[in-house]
Amino acid sequence: SYLGQMYSLTNLLTLVFQLVLLPVILPRVSERNFHLFIPVSYVISISLMLGGSGIGLLPIAALFTYLKAADYSLFSMGKEILYQPLEPDQKYGAKYLTDMLVYRAGKALVA
């Protein structure tokens, strides 16, 4: 039940990011600033979680919910913006290279 509620909140937050936040932010923020937001967002959210760690599991659940929702919407959009100037074949190759080498290698190292 607890995990179901957490994933429901994650999906709701993702929906809010995609339908409310992205259409408002993307036209007004430069691509560079949008990409700088990603690591800054991680640092701020992890700092807030560490600062509220005496409360119990709530800060950890909130951090997990935010990171998953941001990954599904904001960070995926940021990654797609990088591929915009490429030709279709270049785009496919760059996405393949990124997915196979960087993303999966990072997951393997973390595991």
Protein backbone atom coordinates (compact mmCIF):
# COMPACT_ATOMS: atom_id res chain seq x y z
CA SER A 1 0.00 0.00 0.00
CA TYR A 2 2.81 2.39 0.93
CA LEU A 3 4.73 1.75 -2.30
CA GLY A 4 1.54 2.09 -4.32
CA GLN A 5 0.91 5.51 -2.81
CA MET A 6 4.51 6.52 -3.43
CA TYR A 7 4.36 5.52 -7.10
CA SER A 8 0.99 7.26 -7.46
CA LEU A 9 2.56 10.45 -6.13
CA THR A 10 5.51 9.96 -8.49
CA ASN A 11 3.17 9.65 -11.48
CA LEU A 12 1.13 12.67 -10.35
CA LEU A 13 4.28 14.77 -9.95
CA THR A 14 5.49 13.60 -13.37
CA LEU A 15 2.18 14.68 -14.89
CA VAL A 16 2.45 18.10 -13.24
CA PHE A 17 6.03 18.49 -14.49
CA GLN A 18 5.07 17.55 -18.06
CA LEU A 19 1.80 19.43 -18.39
CA VAL A 20 2.39 22.48 -16.20
CA LEU A 21 6.08 23.05 -15.55
CA LEU A 22 7.74 22.16 -18.87
CA PRO A 23 5.48 24.26 -21.13
CA VAL A 24 6.07 27.27 -18.87
CA ILE A 25 9.80 26.81 -18.24
CA LEU A 26 11.24 25.61 -21.57
CA PRO A 27 10.38 28.70 -23.64
CA ARG A 28 11.74 31.04 -20.95
CA VAL A 29 14.95 29.29 -19.86
CA SER A 30 18.07 28.84 -21.95
CA GLU A 31 19.24 25.35 -22.80
CA ARG A 32 22.43 25.86 -20.79
CA ASN A 33 20.55 26.92 -17.66
CA PHE A 34 18.14 24.02 -18.04
CA HIS A 35 21.06 21.59 -18.13
CA LEU A 36 22.72 23.29 -15.15
CA PHE A 37 19.47 22.86 -13.23
CA ILE A 38 19.78 19.05 -13.30
CA PRO A 39 22.85 18.63 -11.03
CA VAL A 40 21.84 21.61 -8.90
CA SER A 41 18.45 20.00 -8.40
CA TYR A 42 20.09 16.75 -7.27
CA VAL A 43 22.37 18.53 -4.79
CA ILE A 44 19.55 20.61 -3.31
CA SER A 45 17.15 17.68 -2.96
CA ILE A 46 19.80 15.42 -1.41
CA SER A 47 20.82 18.21 0.98
CA LEU A 48 17.20 18.69 2.03
CA MET A 49 16.84 14.94 2.57
CA LEU A 50 19.97 14.78 4.70
CA GLY A 51 18.84 17.80 6.70
CA GLY A 52 15.49 16.18 7.47
CA SER A 53 16.79 12.68 8.12
CA GLY A 54 15.76 12.74 11.79
CA ILE A 55 12.09 12.71 10.77
CA GLY A 56 12.15 9.10 9.56
CA LEU A 57 11.55 7.71 6.12
CA LEU A 58 9.48 10.63 4.86
CA PRO A 59 12.46 12.66 3.50
CA ILE A 60 13.82 9.57 1.75
CA ALA A 61 10.43 8.82 0.18
CA ALA A 62 10.07 12.46 -0.89
CA LEU A 63 13.55 12.43 -2.44
CA PHE A 64 12.82 9.18 -4.27
CA THR A 65 9.50 10.53 -5.54
CA TYR A 66 11.09 13.77 -6.78
CA LEU A 67 14.08 12.06 -8.42
CA LYS A 68 11.89 9.54 -10.26
CA ALA A 69 9.38 12.18 -11.40
CA ALA A 70 12.18 14.50 -12.51
CA ASP A 71 13.94 11.65 -14.31
CA TYR A 72 10.77 10.68 -16.18
CA SER A 73 9.97 14.22 -17.29
CA LEU A 74 12.50 17.03 -16.79
CA PHE A 75 15.73 15.12 -17.27
CA SER A 76 14.45 13.10 -20.21
CA MET A 77 13.40 16.34 -21.87
CA GLY A 78 16.82 17.85 -21.18
CA LYS A 79 18.53 14.88 -22.78
CA GLU A 80 16.31 15.08 -25.87
CA ILE A 81 17.12 18.78 -26.31
CA LEU A 82 20.78 17.85 -26.76
CA TYR A 83 19.93 15.69 -29.79
CA GLN A 84 17.87 18.36 -31.57
CA PRO A 85 20.59 19.77 -33.90
CA LEU A 86 21.63 16.30 -35.15
CA GLU A 87 20.53 14.54 -38.33
CA PRO A 88 18.28 11.45 -37.87
CA ASP A 89 21.14 8.95 -38.35
CA GLN A 90 23.41 10.90 -36.01
CA LYS A 91 20.60 11.13 -33.48
CA TYR A 92 20.10 7.36 -33.53
CA GLY A 93 23.84 6.72 -33.14
CA ALA A 94 24.24 9.24 -30.33
CA LYS A 95 21.26 7.85 -28.43
CA TYR A 96 22.51 4.29 -28.91
CA LEU A 97 26.01 5.21 -27.73
CA THR A 98 24.70 7.13 -24.74
CA ASP A 99 22.31 4.37 -23.73
CA MET A 100 24.72 1.47 -24.18
CA LEU A 101 27.93 2.95 -22.86
CA VAL A 102 27.11 5.69 -20.42
CA TYR A 103 23.69 4.88 -18.96
CA ARG A 104 24.05 1.11 -18.67
CA ALA A 105 27.69 1.28 -17.58
CA GLY A 106 26.69 3.73 -14.87
CA LYS A 107 23.92 1.42 -13.70
CA ALA A 108 26.32 -1.52 -13.68
CA LEU A 109 28.85 0.40 -11.60
CA VAL A 110 26.20 1.45 -9.11
CA ALA A 111 24.88 -2.10 -8.82
